[in-house]
Amino acid sequence: MLGMIYGNWFSVGFGGGIALYGMVYFLVHDVLIHRRFKWFDKTDNKYFRAIRKAHKVHHKNQYKEHGTCFGMLLVPKKYFNI
C-alpha cells in the first residue's frame, strides 16, 4: 500500500508477485496435493493424479541427500503413466 501512495510501483510489483505465489502455492500444495480441503477431492483428473504421485515420491526420502525434485506445476511425463 505504501508503494502505491508514494508511487513506488517497483515494490508494488514485488508485493503482488509474492502474494500471487502464496495463493498458487496454497491452492496447489495444500488443496490439490495434500487435500487439506475437500474442494477437488472427487476429481479424476490425470494431471492432478500425476502431481500427487510425484509429490509422494518427493516426500518418500526424509533427508536432504538423494531427494527427488517433482516440479511443483510441471510434472515429468513418467508420473502420468503410473
N, C-alpha and C. Protein backbone atom coordinates (compact mmCIF):
# COMPACT_ATOMS: atom_id res chain seq x y z
N MET A 1 0.82 -1.19 0.00
CA MET A 1 0.00 0.00 0.00
C MET A 1 0.87 1.25 0.00
N LEU A 2 1.96 1.24 0.75
CA LEU A 2 2.84 2.41 0.77
C LEU A 2 3.47 2.65 -0.58
N GLY A 3 3.73 1.59 -1.33
CA GLY A 3 4.29 1.75 -2.66
C GLY A 3 3.35 2.47 -3.59
N MET A 4 2.05 2.22 -3.47
CA MET A 4 1.07 2.91 -4.31
C MET A 4 0.92 4.37 -3.89
N ILE A 5 0.97 4.65 -2.61
CA ILE A 5 0.82 6.02 -2.12
C ILE A 5 1.97 6.89 -2.60
N TYR A 6 3.19 6.36 -2.53
CA TYR A 6 4.37 7.14 -2.87
C TYR A 6 4.84 6.91 -4.31
N GLY A 7 4.08 6.18 -5.10
CA GLY A 7 4.43 5.98 -6.49
C GLY A 7 5.59 5.03 -6.72
N ASN A 8 5.87 4.17 -5.78
CA ASN A 8 6.96 3.20 -5.92
C ASN A 8 6.38 1.90 -6.48
N TRP A 9 6.16 1.87 -7.78
CA TRP A 9 5.48 0.74 -8.42
C TRP A 9 6.35 -0.50 -8.47
N PHE A 10 7.65 -0.33 -8.34
CA PHE A 10 8.55 -1.47 -8.32
C PHE A 10 8.26 -2.35 -7.11
N SER A 11 8.09 -1.76 -5.95
CA SER A 11 7.80 -2.55 -4.74
C SER A 11 6.39 -3.11 -4.77
N VAL A 12 5.47 -2.41 -5.44
CA VAL A 12 4.11 -2.95 -5.58
C VAL A 12 4.14 -4.23 -6.41
N GLY A 13 4.97 -4.25 -7.45
CA GLY A 13 5.11 -5.45 -8.27
C GLY A 13 5.68 -6.61 -7.48
N PHE A 14 6.69 -6.33 -6.65
CA PHE A 14 7.24 -7.39 -5.80
C PHE A 14 6.19 -7.93 -4.84
N GLY A 15 5.47 -7.05 -4.19
CA GLY A 15 4.44 -7.48 -3.24
C GLY A 15 3.34 -8.28 -3.92
N GLY A 16 2.92 -7.84 -5.09
CA GLY A 16 1.89 -8.57 -5.84
C GLY A 16 2.37 -9.94 -6.27
N GLY A 17 3.64 -10.02 -6.68
CA GLY A 17 4.20 -11.32 -7.09
C GLY A 17 4.30 -12.29 -5.93
N ILE A 18 4.71 -11.80 -4.78
CA ILE A 18 4.80 -12.65 -3.60
C ILE A 18 3.42 -13.12 -3.17
N ALA A 19 2.44 -12.23 -3.22
CA ALA A 19 1.07 -12.61 -2.86
C ALA A 19 0.50 -13.63 -3.84
N LEU A 20 0.76 -13.45 -5.12
CA LEU A 20 0.28 -14.39 -6.13
C LEU A 20 0.93 -15.76 -5.96
N TYR A 21 2.25 -15.79 -5.69
CA TYR A 21 2.93 -17.05 -5.44
C TYR A 21 2.34 -17.76 -4.22
N GLY A 22 2.09 -17.03 -3.16
CA GLY A 22 1.50 -17.62 -1.96
C GLY A 22 0.14 -18.22 -2.23
N MET A 23 -0.68 -17.55 -3.03
CA MET A 23 -2.01 -18.05 -3.35
C MET A 23 -1.92 -19.32 -4.21
N VAL A 24 -1.04 -19.32 -5.20
CA VAL A 24 -0.88 -20.50 -6.05
C VAL A 24 -0.32 -21.67 -5.25
N TYR A 25 0.66 -21.39 -4.38
CA TYR A 25 1.23 -22.43 -3.55
C TYR A 25 0.17 -23.05 -2.65
N PHE A 26 -0.66 -22.23 -2.05
CA PHE A 26 -1.73 -22.73 -1.19
C PHE A 26 -2.68 -23.61 -1.99
N LEU A 27 -3.11 -23.14 -3.14
CA LEU A 27 -4.07 -23.92 -3.94
C LEU A 27 -3.48 -25.23 -4.43
N VAL A 28 -2.26 -25.20 -4.94
CA VAL A 28 -1.66 -26.42 -5.49
C VAL A 28 -1.20 -27.36 -4.38
N HIS A 29 -0.42 -26.86 -3.44
CA HIS A 29 0.19 -27.73 -2.44
C HIS A 29 -0.80 -28.20 -1.38
N ASP A 30 -1.53 -27.29 -0.80
CA ASP A 30 -2.42 -27.67 0.31
C ASP A 30 -3.76 -28.22 -0.16
N VAL A 31 -4.33 -27.63 -1.21
CA VAL A 31 -5.66 -28.07 -1.66
C VAL A 31 -5.58 -29.27 -2.60
N LEU A 32 -4.74 -29.20 -3.64
CA LEU A 32 -4.70 -30.28 -4.63
C LEU A 32 -3.86 -31.47 -4.18
N ILE A 33 -2.66 -31.20 -3.65
CA ILE A 33 -1.75 -32.29 -3.35
C ILE A 33 -2.09 -32.97 -2.03
N HIS A 34 -2.13 -32.18 -0.95
CA HIS A 34 -2.34 -32.78 0.37
C HIS A 34 -3.82 -32.90 0.76
N ARG A 35 -4.70 -32.35 -0.06
CA ARG A 35 -6.15 -32.46 0.15
C ARG A 35 -6.57 -32.00 1.56
N ARG A 36 -6.01 -30.88 2.00
CA ARG A 36 -6.39 -30.35 3.32
C ARG A 36 -7.82 -29.83 3.30
N PHE A 37 -8.27 -29.41 2.16
CA PHE A 37 -9.67 -29.01 1.95
C PHE A 37 -10.23 -29.93 0.87
N LYS A 38 -11.45 -30.30 0.96
CA LYS A 38 -12.05 -31.30 0.06
C LYS A 38 -12.67 -30.67 -1.18
N TRP A 39 -12.07 -29.59 -1.70
CA TRP A 39 -12.65 -28.90 -2.84
C TRP A 39 -12.55 -29.71 -4.12
N PHE A 40 -11.44 -30.37 -4.36
CA PHE A 40 -11.24 -31.14 -5.60
C PHE A 40 -11.01 -32.61 -5.28
N ASP A 41 -11.63 -33.11 -4.25
CA ASP A 41 -11.38 -34.47 -3.78
C ASP A 41 -11.96 -35.52 -4.72
N LYS A 42 -13.05 -35.24 -5.36
CA LYS A 42 -13.72 -36.25 -6.19
C LYS A 42 -13.31 -36.20 -7.66
N THR A 43 -12.41 -35.31 -8.00
CA THR A 43 -12.00 -35.21 -9.40
C THR A 43 -11.07 -36.37 -9.78
N ASP A 44 -11.16 -36.78 -11.02
CA ASP A 44 -10.32 -37.87 -11.52
C ASP A 44 -9.46 -37.35 -12.68
N ASN A 45 -8.90 -36.17 -12.48
CA ASN A 45 -8.09 -35.53 -13.50
C ASN A 45 -6.71 -36.18 -13.55
N LYS A 46 -6.23 -36.47 -14.74
CA LYS A 46 -4.94 -37.11 -14.93
C LYS A 46 -3.79 -36.25 -14.41
N TYR A 47 -3.88 -34.95 -14.63
CA TYR A 47 -2.85 -34.01 -14.19
C TYR A 47 -2.78 -33.97 -12.66
N PHE A 48 -3.92 -33.91 -11.98
CA PHE A 48 -3.95 -33.89 -10.52
C PHE A 48 -3.37 -35.17 -9.93
N ARG A 49 -3.70 -36.32 -10.54
CA ARG A 49 -3.13 -37.58 -10.07
C ARG A 49 -1.62 -37.61 -10.24
N ALA A 50 -1.12 -37.09 -11.36
CA ALA A 50 0.32 -37.06 -11.61
C ALA A 50 1.03 -36.16 -10.60
N ILE A 51 0.45 -35.02 -10.27
CA ILE A 51 1.05 -34.13 -9.27
C ILE A 51 1.11 -34.83 -7.92
N ARG A 52 0.03 -35.50 -7.53
CA ARG A 52 0.00 -36.17 -6.23
C ARG A 52 1.04 -37.30 -6.16
N LYS A 53 1.17 -38.07 -7.24
CA LYS A 53 2.14 -39.18 -7.25
C LYS A 53 3.57 -38.65 -7.21
N ALA A 54 3.85 -37.61 -7.96
CA ALA A 54 5.19 -37.04 -7.97
C ALA A 54 5.53 -36.45 -6.60
N HIS A 55 4.58 -35.84 -5.96
CA HIS A 55 4.83 -35.25 -4.64
C HIS A 55 5.03 -36.33 -3.59
N LYS A 56 4.34 -37.44 -3.74
CA LYS A 56 4.53 -38.55 -2.81
C LYS A 56 5.94 -39.11 -2.92
N VAL A 57 6.47 -39.21 -4.13
CA VAL A 57 7.84 -39.66 -4.34
C VAL A 57 8.81 -38.64 -3.75
N HIS A 58 8.49 -37.37 -3.88
CA HIS A 58 9.31 -36.30 -3.33
C HIS A 58 9.43 -36.42 -1.81
N HIS A 59 8.36 -36.76 -1.13
CA HIS A 59 8.36 -36.88 0.32
C HIS A 59 8.82 -38.25 0.83
N LYS A 60 9.08 -39.18 -0.07
CA LYS A 60 9.47 -40.52 0.34
C LYS A 60 10.80 -40.52 1.09
N ASN A 61 11.72 -39.68 0.68
CA ASN A 61 13.02 -39.55 1.34
C ASN A 61 12.91 -38.52 2.47
N GLN A 62 13.40 -38.84 3.65
CA GLN A 62 13.28 -37.94 4.79
C GLN A 62 14.48 -37.02 4.95
N TYR A 63 15.51 -37.20 4.16
CA TYR A 63 16.73 -36.42 4.31
C TYR A 63 16.96 -35.55 3.08
N LYS A 64 17.88 -34.61 3.19
CA LYS A 64 18.17 -33.72 2.08
C LYS A 64 18.86 -34.44 0.93
N GLU A 65 19.75 -35.36 1.26
CA GLU A 65 20.50 -36.06 0.23
C GLU A 65 19.60 -37.03 -0.54
N HIS A 66 19.86 -37.14 -1.80
CA HIS A 66 19.15 -38.08 -2.69
C HIS A 66 17.66 -37.79 -2.77
N GLY A 67 17.29 -36.55 -2.62
CA GLY A 67 15.88 -36.18 -2.76
C GLY A 67 15.48 -36.14 -4.22
N THR A 68 14.19 -36.18 -4.47
CA THR A 68 13.66 -36.16 -5.82
C THR A 68 12.91 -34.86 -6.05
N CYS A 69 13.28 -34.16 -7.10
CA CYS A 69 12.56 -32.95 -7.47
C CYS A 69 11.31 -33.37 -8.25
N PHE A 70 10.16 -32.84 -7.86
CA PHE A 70 8.94 -33.26 -8.53
C PHE A 70 8.36 -32.19 -9.43
N GLY A 71 8.89 -30.98 -9.42
CA GLY A 71 8.42 -29.93 -10.31
C GLY A 71 7.01 -29.50 -10.00
N MET A 72 6.83 -28.64 -9.05
CA MET A 72 5.53 -28.24 -8.48
C MET A 72 4.38 -28.20 -9.50
N LEU A 73 4.51 -27.48 -10.60
CA LEU A 73 3.44 -27.42 -11.59
C LEU A 73 3.78 -28.17 -12.87
N LEU A 74 5.06 -28.35 -13.14
CA LEU A 74 5.49 -29.05 -14.34
C LEU A 74 5.95 -30.44 -13.95
N VAL A 75 5.06 -31.39 -14.10
CA VAL A 75 5.32 -32.76 -13.65
C VAL A 75 5.93 -33.57 -14.78
N PRO A 76 6.99 -34.35 -14.52
CA PRO A 76 7.58 -35.20 -15.56
C PRO A 76 6.56 -36.21 -16.11
N LYS A 77 6.73 -36.57 -17.36
CA LYS A 77 5.78 -37.46 -18.04
C LYS A 77 5.66 -38.83 -17.39
N LYS A 78 6.72 -39.28 -16.73
CA LYS A 78 6.68 -40.62 -16.15
C LYS A 78 5.60 -40.78 -15.08
N TYR A 79 5.17 -39.70 -14.46
CA TYR A 79 4.13 -39.79 -13.43
C TYR A 79 2.72 -39.85 -14.02
N PHE A 80 2.58 -39.53 -15.28
CA PHE A 80 1.27 -39.63 -15.92
C PHE A 80 0.93 -41.08 -16.27
N ASN A 81 1.94 -41.92 -16.43
CA ASN A 81 1.73 -43.30 -16.87
C ASN A 81 1.60 -44.29 -15.73
N ILE A 82 1.86 -43.86 -14.51
CA ILE A 82 1.81 -44.79 -13.38
C ILE A 82 0.37 -45.02 -12.97
